[in-house]
Amino acid sequence: MNTKVRSPGSATVINAISTGYGSAFGIKLYVNAEVKLKGPKSSIVCETDSFVDTKLMELCVEKVIERFGILRISGELKYLDMKTGVSVKTTSTLPAASGLSSSSATSNAVVMATARAIMDEHGFELEDAGLNELDLLNIAIDASLEAGVTITGAFDDASASFFGGLTVTDNIKRKILQRKNMEEQNILIHMPDRKSPTANSDVGRMKLLAPWVKMAFDEALNGKIYSALTLNGLLYCSALGFDSNIALDALDAGAVAAGLSGTGPSFVAVANNRNADRVEESWSSYPGRVIRTEVDNEGTKVVRSG
């Protein structure tokens, strides 16, 4: 079996670290995962083009195998033969450690690809085993937490990557409060020449922001996504030591929203067709590069199976 899955990154509306509540939306930068079940040897071999630790990928495969080892399929308890070897390869257009949910996209892609390969091999679907897509998403989050690539589990980022569009979430309860397609807009990303792994961020300073981030979250709940994104992004700039002028320059150039994504270092701006070029030009004096992309409303998808 050779299965390929594509999973998008996401951009932050509300960073959940300070309050436990978050929001994000999918973007058209992707992690692709190819999974092959090969032979009787029980081994997991992971390969990536992104120079990242493959521990997360290995944990995703292990947790799917563990979850799928014993299933009640169509009312009958079945023990699946999971002694086959698993080969995983990921490729990515999504920069790692950038605040754009590369870890969530990786875990979503690897979990779905592994699950799809096993289901094809044994001839059943998720619903036959009493499972659903949220079960796969939670497996991916559990793997991310165990790998230490996230602080909260990043349910906001992970759900936006998994389902596409906009999600507003309770990260502590792993509950989606709102989910809908995001308005089609130009998404511009300023990518400095450095990385900023979430696990290395100063949680204490971020938690000081809680009362004001809660205000931004209330804006998101009320549908004011762009003002929520901007307020959240400027608040986290102050706590994490990033230059808020990057966001302010984008707003001055006509962006409808701009702010730090995740824990940085990337900044995201939302702009219409009339102002997108001006926003990109406003960032030309800052070191790094600008990536232009769009909203992804499709989420994590199987692109090849069997």
C-alpha atoms as a PDB file:
ATOM      1  CA  MET A   1       0.000   0.000   0.000  1.00  0.00           C
ATOM      2  CA  ASN A   2       1.223   3.473  -0.917  1.00  0.00           C
ATOM      3  CA  THR A   3      -0.806   6.337   0.524  1.00  0.00           C
ATOM      4  CA  LYS A   4      -0.174  10.067   0.169  1.00  0.00           C
ATOM      5  CA  VAL A   5      -1.835  12.772   2.282  1.00  0.00           C
ATOM      6  CA  ARG A   6      -1.542  16.553   2.042  1.00  0.00           C
ATOM      7  CA  SER A   7      -2.014  18.725   5.129  1.00  0.00           C
ATOM      8  CA  PRO A   8      -1.998  22.545   5.199  1.00  0.00           C
ATOM      9  CA  GLY A   9      -0.335  24.811   7.688  1.00  0.00           C
ATOM     10  CA  SER A  10      -2.327  27.442   9.522  1.00  0.00           C
ATOM     11  CA  ALA A  11      -2.061  31.068  10.550  1.00  0.00           C
ATOM     12  CA  THR A  12      -2.910  32.318  14.013  1.00  0.00           C
ATOM     13  CA  VAL A  13      -5.942  34.396  14.880  1.00  0.00           C
ATOM     14  CA  ILE A  14      -5.675  33.804  18.646  1.00  0.00           C
ATOM     15  CA  ASN A  15      -2.658  32.153  20.273  1.00  0.00           C
ATOM     16  CA  ALA A  16      -4.038  29.818  22.973  1.00  0.00           C
ATOM     17  CA  ILE A  17      -0.992  29.704  25.237  1.00  0.00           C
ATOM     18  CA  SER A  18      -2.070  32.546  27.535  1.00  0.00           C
ATOM     19  CA  THR A  19      -5.738  31.565  28.036  1.00  0.00           C
ATOM     20  CA  GLY A  20      -6.288  28.058  26.676  1.00  0.00           C
ATOM     21  CA  TYR A  21      -8.620  29.389  23.970  1.00  0.00           C
ATOM     22  CA  GLY A  22      -7.449  29.828  20.403  1.00  0.00           C
ATOM     23  CA  SER A  23      -8.295  30.329  16.764  1.00  0.00           C
ATOM     24  CA  ALA A  24      -6.530  29.703  13.456  1.00  0.00           C
ATOM     25  CA  PHE A  25      -7.221  29.251   9.738  1.00  0.00           C
ATOM     26  CA  GLY A  26      -5.715  27.019   7.068  1.00  0.00           C
ATOM     27  CA  ILE A  27      -3.225  28.340   4.524  1.00  0.00           C
ATOM     28  CA  LYS A  28      -2.031  26.892   1.209  1.00  0.00           C
ATOM     29  CA  LEU A  29       1.417  25.802   2.362  1.00  0.00           C
ATOM     30  CA  TYR A  30       1.598  22.059   2.842  1.00  0.00           C
ATOM     31  CA  VAL A  31       3.235  19.040   4.396  1.00  0.00           C
ATOM     32  CA  ASN A  32       2.891  15.909   2.261  1.00  0.00           C
ATOM     33  CA  ALA A  33       3.239  12.473   3.855  1.00  0.00           C
ATOM     34  CA  GLU A  34       3.714   9.225   1.929  1.00  0.00           C
ATOM     35  CA  VAL A  35       3.218   5.987   3.852  1.00  0.00           C
ATOM     36  CA  LYS A  36       4.023   2.471   2.619  1.00  0.00           C
ATOM     37  CA  LEU A  37       3.263  -0.757   4.430  1.00  0.00           C
ATOM     38  CA  LYS A  38       6.125  -3.049   3.535  1.00  0.00           C
ATOM     39  CA  GLY A  39       6.820  -6.642   4.399  1.00  0.00           C
ATOM     40  CA  PRO A  40       6.516  -8.534   7.676  1.00  0.00           C
ATOM     41  CA  LYS A  41       9.258  -6.740   9.598  1.00  0.00           C
ATOM     42  CA  SER A  42       7.859  -4.589  12.417  1.00  0.00           C
ATOM     43  CA  SER A  43       9.861  -1.381  11.936  1.00  0.00           C
ATOM     44  CA  ILE A  44       9.218   2.301  11.291  1.00  0.00           C
ATOM     45  CA  VAL A  45      11.508   4.136   8.881  1.00  0.00           C
ATOM     46  CA  CYS A  46      11.047   7.906   8.539  1.00  0.00           C
ATOM     47  CA  GLU A  47      12.542  10.305   6.013  1.00  0.00           C
ATOM     48  CA  THR A  48      11.998  14.041   5.595  1.00  0.00           C
ATOM     49  CA  ASP A  49      13.265  16.836   3.353  1.00  0.00           C
ATOM     50  CA  SER A  50      12.993  19.468   6.096  1.00  0.00           C
ATOM     51  CA  PHE A  51      15.988  18.667   8.318  1.00  0.00           C
ATOM     52  CA  VAL A  52      13.663  18.172  11.287  1.00  0.00           C
ATOM     53  CA  ASP A  53      13.700  15.500  13.985  1.00  0.00           C
ATOM     54  CA  THR A  54      11.699  12.474  12.827  1.00  0.00           C
ATOM     55  CA  LYS A  55      10.626  11.635  16.392  1.00  0.00           C
ATOM     56  CA  LEU A  56       7.208  13.234  15.816  1.00  0.00           C
ATOM     57  CA  MET A  57       6.632  11.165  12.666  1.00  0.00           C
ATOM     58  CA  GLU A  58       7.598   7.939  14.443  1.00  0.00           C
ATOM     59  CA  LEU A  59       5.253   8.697  17.353  1.00  0.00           C
ATOM     60  CA  CYS A  60       2.375   9.384  14.948  1.00  0.00           C
ATOM     61  CA  VAL A  61       2.824   5.967  13.323  1.00  0.00           C
ATOM     62  CA  GLU A  62       3.201   4.199  16.666  1.00  0.00           C
ATOM     63  CA  LYS A  63       0.025   5.767  18.057  1.00  0.00           C
ATOM     64  CA  VAL A  64      -2.038   4.853  14.990  1.00  0.00           C
ATOM     65  CA  ILE A  65      -0.787   1.265  15.170  1.00  0.00           C
ATOM     66  CA  GLU A  66      -1.584   1.144  18.876  1.00  0.00           C
ATOM     67  CA  ARG A  67      -5.091   2.566  18.347  1.00  0.00           C
ATOM     68  CA  PHE A  68      -5.835   0.314  15.373  1.00  0.00           C
ATOM     69  CA  GLY A  69      -4.406  -2.879  16.909  1.00  0.00           C
ATOM     70  CA  ILE A  70      -7.741  -3.970  18.381  1.00  0.00           C
ATOM     71  CA  LEU A  71     -10.922  -2.636  16.816  1.00  0.00           C
ATOM     72  CA  ARG A  72     -14.605  -3.467  16.913  1.00  0.00           C
ATOM     73  CA  ILE A  73     -15.345  -3.451  13.190  1.00  0.00           C
ATOM     74  CA  SER A  74     -19.032  -3.643  12.263  1.00  0.00           C
ATOM     75  CA  GLY A  75     -19.788  -5.028  15.715  1.00  0.00           C
ATOM     76  CA  GLU A  76     -17.116  -7.734  15.604  1.00  0.00           C
ATOM     77  CA  LEU A  77     -13.940  -7.513  17.707  1.00  0.00           C
ATOM     78  CA  LYS A  78     -10.915  -7.878  15.439  1.00  0.00           C
ATOM     79  CA  TYR A  79      -7.205  -8.027  16.141  1.00  0.00           C
ATOM     80  CA  LEU A  80      -5.342  -6.512  13.220  1.00  0.00           C
ATOM     81  CA  ASP A  81      -1.956  -7.922  12.257  1.00  0.00           C
ATOM     82  CA  MET A  82       0.192  -4.840  12.771  1.00  0.00           C
ATOM     83  CA  LYS A  83       3.602  -6.494  12.423  1.00  0.00           C
ATOM     84  CA  THR A  84       4.191  -5.007   8.998  1.00  0.00           C
ATOM     85  CA  GLY A  85       6.950  -2.453   8.517  1.00  0.00           C
ATOM     86  CA  VAL A  86       5.994   1.154   7.869  1.00  0.00           C
ATOM     87  CA  SER A  87       7.914   3.602   5.705  1.00  0.00           C
ATOM     88  CA  VAL A  88       7.106   7.318   5.990  1.00  0.00           C
ATOM     89  CA  LYS A  89       8.417  10.161   3.872  1.00  0.00           C
ATOM     90  CA  THR A  90       7.427  13.811   4.250  1.00  0.00           C
ATOM     91  CA  THR A  91       8.049  16.751   1.948  1.00  0.00           C
ATOM     92  CA  SER A  92       7.037  20.299   2.728  1.00  0.00           C
ATOM     93  CA  THR A  93       6.487  23.798   1.382  1.00  0.00           C
ATOM     94  CA  LEU A  94       5.780  24.893   4.952  1.00  0.00           C
ATOM     95  CA  PRO A  95       8.752  26.421   6.828  1.00  0.00           C
ATOM     96  CA  ALA A  96       9.552  24.614  10.093  1.00  0.00           C
ATOM     97  CA  ALA A  97       9.551  26.410  13.477  1.00  0.00           C
ATOM     98  CA  SER A  98       7.962  29.457  11.885  1.00  0.00           C
ATOM     99  CA  GLY A  99       4.652  29.861  13.737  1.00  0.00           C
ATOM    100  CA  LEU A 100       2.692  28.392  10.805  1.00  0.00           C
ATOM    101  CA  SER A 101       1.782  25.022  12.346  1.00  0.00           C
ATOM    102  CA  SER A 102       4.369  22.873  10.608  1.00  0.00           C
ATOM    103  CA  SER A 103       4.295  20.355  13.472  1.00  0.00           C
ATOM    104  CA  SER A 104       0.495  20.113  13.407  1.00  0.00           C
ATOM    105  CA  ALA A 105       0.482  19.697   9.634  1.00  0.00           C
ATOM    106  CA  THR A 106       3.143  16.983   9.882  1.00  0.00           C
ATOM    107  CA  SER A 107       1.312  15.030  12.578  1.00  0.00           C
ATOM    108  CA  ASN A 108      -2.034  15.348  10.772  1.00  0.00           C
ATOM    109  CA  ALA A 109      -0.554  14.181   7.479  1.00  0.00           C
ATOM    110  CA  VAL A 110       1.344  11.229   8.936  1.00  0.00           C
ATOM    111  CA  VAL A 111      -1.557  10.065  11.120  1.00  0.00           C
ATOM    112  CA  MET A 112      -4.103  10.226   8.300  1.00  0.00           C
ATOM    113  CA  ALA A 113      -1.765   8.564   5.797  1.00  0.00           C
ATOM    114  CA  THR A 114      -0.900   5.747   8.206  1.00  0.00           C
ATOM    115  CA  ALA A 115      -4.556   5.209   9.131  1.00  0.00           C
ATOM    116  CA  ARG A 116      -5.654   5.222   5.485  1.00  0.00           C
ATOM    117  CA  ALA A 117      -2.959   2.696   4.544  1.00  0.00           C
ATOM    118  CA  ILE A 118      -4.036   0.332   7.345  1.00  0.00           C
ATOM    119  CA  MET A 119      -7.721   0.697   6.466  1.00  0.00           C
ATOM    120  CA  ASP A 120      -7.013  -0.083   2.818  1.00  0.00           C
ATOM    121  CA  GLU A 121      -4.886  -3.077   3.796  1.00  0.00           C
ATOM    122  CA  HIS A 122      -7.602  -4.553   6.018  1.00  0.00           C
ATOM    123  CA  GLY A 123     -10.653  -3.378   4.081  1.00  0.00           C
ATOM    124  CA  PHE A 124     -12.572  -1.144   6.469  1.00  0.00           C
ATOM    125  CA  GLU A 125     -13.479   2.524   6.966  1.00  0.00           C
ATOM    126  CA  LEU A 126     -13.304   4.709  10.061  1.00  0.00           C
ATOM    127  CA  GLU A 127     -17.025   4.523  10.699  1.00  0.00           C
ATOM    128  CA  ASP A 128     -16.912   0.695  10.530  1.00  0.00           C
ATOM    129  CA  ALA A 129     -14.676   0.810  13.601  1.00  0.00           C
ATOM    130  CA  GLY A 130     -16.752   3.419  15.414  1.00  0.00           C
ATOM    131  CA  LEU A 131     -14.127   6.105  14.800  1.00  0.00           C
ATOM    132  CA  ASN A 132     -14.279   9.550  13.204  1.00  0.00           C
ATOM    133  CA  GLU A 133     -11.964  12.306  12.013  1.00  0.00           C
ATOM    134  CA  LEU A 134     -11.746  13.850  15.486  1.00  0.00           C
ATOM    135  CA  ASP A 135     -10.235  10.576  16.713  1.00  0.00           C
ATOM    136  CA  LEU A 136      -7.464  10.913  14.117  1.00  0.00           C
ATOM    137  CA  LEU A 137      -6.944  14.560  15.065  1.00  0.00           C
ATOM    138  CA  ASN A 138      -6.582  13.621  18.736  1.00  0.00           C
ATOM    139  CA  ILE A 139      -4.057  10.913  17.897  1.00  0.00           C
ATOM    140  CA  ALA A 140      -2.022  13.563  16.050  1.00  0.00           C
ATOM    141  CA  ILE A 141      -2.222  15.980  19.000  1.00  0.00           C
ATOM    142  CA  ASP A 142      -1.202  13.280  21.479  1.00  0.00           C
ATOM    143  CA  ALA A 143       1.854  12.549  19.350  1.00  0.00           C
ATOM    144  CA  SER A 144       2.768  16.249  19.180  1.00  0.00           C
ATOM    145  CA  LEU A 145       2.504  16.595  22.959  1.00  0.00           C
ATOM    146  CA  GLU A 146       4.639  13.508  23.554  1.00  0.00           C
ATOM    147  CA  ALA A 147       7.225  14.729  21.051  1.00  0.00           C
ATOM    148  CA  GLY A 148       7.447  18.061  22.916  1.00  0.00           C
ATOM    149  CA  VAL A 149       6.797  20.222  19.838  1.00  0.00           C
ATOM    150  CA  THR A 150       3.800  22.001  21.375  1.00  0.00           C
ATOM    151  CA  ILE A 151       2.946  23.579  24.731  1.00  0.00           C
ATOM    152  CA  THR A 152      -0.867  23.304  24.767  1.00  0.00           C
ATOM    153  CA  GLY A 153      -1.412  20.564  22.184  1.00  0.00           C
ATOM    154  CA  ALA A 154      -2.207  23.310  19.661  1.00  0.00           C
ATOM    155  CA  PHE A 155      -5.782  22.139  19.146  1.00  0.00           C
ATOM    156  CA  ASP A 156      -6.561  25.433  17.378  1.00  0.00           C
ATOM    157  CA  ASP A 157      -3.710  25.073  14.882  1.00  0.00           C
ATOM    158  CA  ALA A 158      -4.206  21.334  14.490  1.00  0.00           C
ATOM    159  CA  SER A 159      -7.958  21.576  13.891  1.00  0.00           C
ATOM    160  CA  ALA A 160      -7.539  24.374  11.319  1.00  0.00           C
ATOM    161  CA  SER A 161      -4.915  22.259   9.559  1.00  0.00           C
ATOM    162  CA  PHE A 162      -7.049  19.114   9.743  1.00  0.00           C
ATOM    163  CA  PHE A 163     -10.418  20.565   8.685  1.00  0.00           C
ATOM    164  CA  GLY A 164      -9.317  23.680   6.788  1.00  0.00           C
ATOM    165  CA  GLY A 165     -10.968  27.070   7.059  1.00  0.00           C
ATOM    166  CA  LEU A 166     -11.360  28.857  10.385  1.00  0.00           C
ATOM    167  CA  THR A 167     -11.685  27.172  13.759  1.00  0.00           C
ATOM    168  CA  VAL A 168     -12.284  28.769  17.164  1.00  0.00           C
ATOM    169  CA  THR A 169     -11.413  26.362  19.950  1.00  0.00           C
ATOM    170  CA  ASP A 170     -11.205  25.463  23.614  1.00  0.00           C
ATOM    171  CA  ASN A 171      -7.743  23.898  23.591  1.00  0.00           C
ATOM    172  CA  ILE A 172      -7.964  22.510  27.124  1.00  0.00           C
ATOM    173  CA  LYS A 173     -11.145  20.544  26.400  1.00  0.00           C
ATOM    174  CA  ARG A 174     -10.137  19.946  22.761  1.00  0.00           C
ATOM    175  CA  LYS A 175     -13.471  21.328  21.657  1.00  0.00           C
ATOM    176  CA  ILE A 176     -14.279  23.211  18.451  1.00  0.00           C
ATOM    177  CA  LEU A 177     -16.502  26.165  19.384  1.00  0.00           C
ATOM    178  CA  GLN A 178     -16.893  27.477  15.837  1.00  0.00           C
ATOM    179  CA  ARG A 179     -15.856  26.129  12.467  1.00  0.00           C
ATOM    180  CA  LYS A 180     -16.476  27.700   9.057  1.00  0.00           C
ATOM    181  CA  ASN A 181     -14.861  28.537   5.750  1.00  0.00           C
ATOM    182  CA  MET A 182     -12.536  31.508   5.848  1.00  0.00           C
ATOM    183  CA  GLU A 183     -13.131  34.372   3.434  1.00  0.00           C
ATOM    184  CA  GLU A 184     -10.893  34.090   0.368  1.00  0.00           C
ATOM    185  CA  GLN A 185      -8.080  36.630   0.750  1.00  0.00           C
ATOM    186  CA  ASN A 186      -4.415  37.090  -0.091  1.00  0.00           C
ATOM    187  CA  ILE A 187      -2.240  35.871   2.760  1.00  0.00           C
ATOM    188  CA  LEU A 188       1.218  37.422   2.984  1.00  0.00           C
ATOM    189  CA  ILE A 189       3.840  36.023   5.314  1.00  0.00           C
ATOM    190  CA  HIS A 190       6.993  37.792   6.403  1.00  0.00           C
ATOM    191  CA  MET A 191       9.551  35.091   7.171  1.00  0.00           C
ATOM    192  CA  PRO A 192      12.670  36.282   9.025  1.00  0.00           C
ATOM    193  CA  ASP A 193      15.921  34.366   8.629  1.00  0.00           C
ATOM    194  CA  ARG A 194      15.559  32.488  11.907  1.00  0.00           C
ATOM    195  CA  LYS A 195      13.427  29.856  13.597  1.00  0.00           C
ATOM    196  CA  SER A 196      11.407  30.060  16.801  1.00  0.00           C
ATOM    197  CA  PRO A 197      10.324  26.634  18.126  1.00  0.00           C
ATOM    198  CA  THR A 198       7.142  26.927  20.194  1.00  0.00           C
ATOM    199  CA  ALA A 199       8.530  24.686  22.940  1.00  0.00           C
ATOM    200  CA  ASN A 200      11.310  27.233  23.601  1.00  0.00           C
ATOM    201  CA  SER A 201       8.953  30.170  24.168  1.00  0.00           C
ATOM    202  CA  ASP A 202       8.576  32.051  27.458  1.00  0.00           C
ATOM    203  CA  VAL A 203       5.227  30.754  28.722  1.00  0.00           C
ATOM    204  CA  GLY A 204       5.280  32.927  31.848  1.00  0.00           C
ATOM    205  CA  ARG A 205       5.448  36.166  29.874  1.00  0.00           C
ATOM    206  CA  MET A 206       2.712  35.007  27.510  1.00  0.00           C
ATOM    207  CA  LYS A 207       0.366  34.193  30.397  1.00  0.00           C
ATOM    208  CA  LEU A 208       0.691  37.803  31.609  1.00  0.00           C
ATOM    209  CA  LEU A 209      -1.274  38.763  28.498  1.00  0.00           C
ATOM    210  CA  ALA A 210      -4.334  36.696  29.429  1.00  0.00           C
ATOM    211  CA  PRO A 211      -6.839  39.516  30.163  1.00  0.00           C
ATOM    212  CA  TRP A 212      -6.129  41.283  26.871  1.00  0.00           C
ATOM    213  CA  VAL A 213      -5.900  38.107  24.785  1.00  0.00           C
ATOM    214  CA  LYS A 214      -9.313  37.205  26.213  1.00  0.00           C
ATOM    215  CA  MET A 215     -10.617  40.465  24.711  1.00  0.00           C
ATOM    216  CA  ALA A 216      -9.184  39.449  21.342  1.00  0.00           C
ATOM    217  CA  PHE A 217     -10.741  36.001  21.680  1.00  0.00           C
ATOM    218  CA  ASP A 218     -14.157  37.532  22.357  1.00  0.00           C
ATOM    219  CA  GLU A 219     -13.734  39.500  19.124  1.00  0.00           C
ATOM    220  CA  ALA A 220     -13.078  36.234  17.277  1.00  0.00           C
ATOM    221  CA  LEU A 221     -16.140  34.574  18.832  1.00  0.00           C
ATOM    222  CA  ASN A 222     -18.211  37.513  17.626  1.00  0.00           C
ATOM    223  CA  GLY A 223     -16.963  37.087  14.071  1.00  0.00           C
ATOM    224  CA  LYS A 224     -14.493  39.986  14.093  1.00  0.00           C
ATOM    225  CA  ILE A 225     -11.637  37.808  12.902  1.00  0.00           C
ATOM    226  CA  TYR A 226      -9.418  40.515  11.459  1.00  0.00           C
ATOM    227  CA  SER A 227      -9.439  42.765  14.523  1.00  0.00           C
ATOM    228  CA  ALA A 228      -8.871  39.680  16.717  1.00  0.00           C
ATOM    229  CA  LEU A 229      -5.871  38.607  14.628  1.00  0.00           C
ATOM    230  CA  THR A 230      -4.311  42.073  14.775  1.00  0.00           C
ATOM    231  CA  LEU A 231      -4.828  42.590  18.496  1.00  0.00           C
ATOM    232  CA  ASN A 232      -3.540  39.117  19.350  1.00  0.00           C
ATOM    233  CA  GLY A 233      -0.509  39.520  17.100  1.00  0.00           C
ATOM    234  CA  LEU A 234       0.498  42.858  18.584  1.00  0.00           C
ATOM    235  CA  LEU A 235       0.088  41.564  22.151  1.00  0.00           C
ATOM    236  CA  TYR A 236       2.307  38.549  21.578  1.00  0.00           C
ATOM    237  CA  CYS A 237       4.909  40.732  19.832  1.00  0.00           C
ATOM    238  CA  SER A 238       5.335  42.634  23.089  1.00  0.00           C
ATOM    239  CA  ALA A 239       5.641  39.505  25.221  1.00  0.00           C
ATOM    240  CA  LEU A 240       8.038  37.657  22.905  1.00  0.00           C
ATOM    241  CA  GLY A 241      10.225  40.561  21.820  1.00  0.00           C
ATOM    242  CA  PHE A 242       9.296  40.777  18.141  1.00  0.00           C
ATOM    243  CA  ASP A 243       9.198  44.038  16.189  1.00  0.00           C
ATOM    244  CA  SER A 244       5.551  45.149  16.030  1.00  0.00           C
ATOM    245  CA  ASN A 245       6.467  47.629  13.275  1.00  0.00           C
ATOM    246  CA  ILE A 246       6.331  44.711  10.824  1.00  0.00           C
ATOM    247  CA  ALA A 247       2.606  44.371  11.497  1.00  0.00           C
ATOM    248  CA  LEU A 248       2.001  48.116  11.691  1.00  0.00           C
ATOM    249  CA  ASP A 249       3.706  48.715   8.344  1.00  0.00           C
ATOM    250  CA  ALA A 250       1.446  46.098   6.743  1.00  0.00           C
ATOM    251  CA  LEU A 251      -1.630  47.791   8.214  1.00  0.00           C
ATOM    252  CA  ASP A 252      -0.410  51.170   6.994  1.00  0.00           C
ATOM    253  CA  ALA A 253      -0.063  49.683   3.501  1.00  0.00           C
ATOM    254  CA  GLY A 254      -3.691  48.585   3.513  1.00  0.00           C
ATOM    255  CA  ALA A 255      -3.750  45.129   5.096  1.00  0.00           C
ATOM    256  CA  VAL A 256      -7.076  44.341   6.744  1.00  0.00           C
ATOM    257  CA  ALA A 257      -5.227  42.419   9.475  1.00  0.00           C
ATOM    258  CA  ALA A 258      -1.622  41.764  10.468  1.00  0.00           C
ATOM    259  CA  GLY A 259       0.209  40.248  13.406  1.00  0.00           C
ATOM    260  CA  LEU A 260       2.605  37.652  14.732  1.00  0.00           C
ATOM    261  CA  SER A 261       1.604  34.074  13.915  1.00  0.00           C
ATOM    262  CA  GLY A 262       1.942  31.535  16.714  1.00  0.00           C
ATOM    263  CA  THR A 263       5.051  32.277  18.733  1.00  0.00           C
ATOM    264  CA  GLY A 264       6.798  33.659  15.653  1.00  0.00           C
ATOM    265  CA  PRO A 265       9.000  34.469  13.991  1.00  0.00           C
ATOM    266  CA  SER A 266       6.638  34.795  11.028  1.00  0.00           C
ATOM    267  CA  PHE A 267       4.158  37.636  10.627  1.00  0.00           C
ATOM    268  CA  VAL A 268       0.912  37.163   8.705  1.00  0.00           C
ATOM    269  CA  ALA A 269      -1.033  39.855   6.884  1.00  0.00           C
ATOM    270  CA  VAL A 270      -4.426  39.551   5.210  1.00  0.00           C
ATOM    271  CA  ALA A 271      -4.923  41.796   2.179  1.00  0.00           C
ATOM    272  CA  ASN A 272      -7.321  42.214  -0.723  1.00  0.00           C
ATOM    273  CA  ASN A 273      -6.177  42.226  -4.352  1.00  0.00           C
ATOM    274  CA  ARG A 274      -5.927  46.022  -4.417  1.00  0.00           C
ATOM    275  CA  ASN A 275      -3.451  46.278  -1.528  1.00  0.00           C
ATOM    276  CA  ALA A 276      -1.508  42.987  -1.577  1.00  0.00           C
ATOM    277  CA  ASP A 277       1.406  44.394  -3.601  1.00  0.00           C
ATOM    278  CA  ARG A 278       1.654  47.440  -1.335  1.00  0.00           C
ATOM    279  CA  VAL A 279       1.771  45.210   1.756  1.00  0.00           C
ATOM    280  CA  GLU A 280       4.543  43.112   0.251  1.00  0.00           C
ATOM    281  CA  GLU A 281       6.488  46.265  -0.633  1.00  0.00           C
ATOM    282  CA  SER A 282       6.105  47.554   2.945  1.00  0.00           C
ATOM    283  CA  TRP A 283       8.140  44.566   4.143  1.00  0.00           C
ATOM    284  CA  SER A 284      10.950  44.944   1.596  1.00  0.00           C
ATOM    285  CA  SER A 285      13.256  46.722   4.052  1.00  0.00           C
ATOM    286  CA  TYR A 286      13.088  43.933   6.652  1.00  0.00           C
ATOM    287  CA  PRO A 287      15.565  41.046   6.485  1.00  0.00           C
ATOM    288  CA  GLY A 288      14.036  37.768   5.412  1.00  0.00           C
ATOM    289  CA  ARG A 289      11.574  36.895   2.675  1.00  0.00           C
ATOM    290  CA  VAL A 290       7.911  37.307   1.860  1.00  0.00           C
ATOM    291  CA  ILE A 291       5.694  34.344   0.969  1.00  0.00           C
ATOM    292  CA  ARG A 292       2.391  34.960  -0.799  1.00  0.00           C
ATOM    293  CA  THR A 293      -0.310  32.338  -0.437  1.00  0.00           C
ATOM    294  CA  GLU A 294      -4.058  31.969   0.094  1.00  0.00           C
ATOM    295  CA  VAL A 295      -6.608  30.609   2.548  1.00  0.00           C
ATOM    296  CA  ASP A 296      -7.050  26.814   2.563  1.00  0.00           C
ATOM    297  CA  ASN A 297     -10.627  25.705   3.244  1.00  0.00           C
ATOM    298  CA  GLU A 298     -10.095  22.020   2.356  1.00  0.00           C
ATOM    299  CA  GLY A 299      -7.882  20.775   5.180  1.00  0.00           C
ATOM    300  CA  THR A 300      -6.023  17.474   5.375  1.00  0.00           C
ATOM    301  CA  LYS A 301      -6.814  15.270   2.369  1.00  0.00           C
ATOM    302  CA  VAL A 302      -5.873  11.895   0.949  1.00  0.00           C
ATOM    303  CA  VAL A 303      -4.445  12.570  -2.517  1.00  0.00           C
ATOM    304  CA  ARG A 304      -3.444   8.982  -3.344  1.00  0.00           C
ATOM    305  CA  SER A 305      -4.526   5.696  -1.802  1.00  0.00           C
ATOM    306  CA  GLY A 306      -3.818   2.046  -2.496  1.00  0.00           C
END
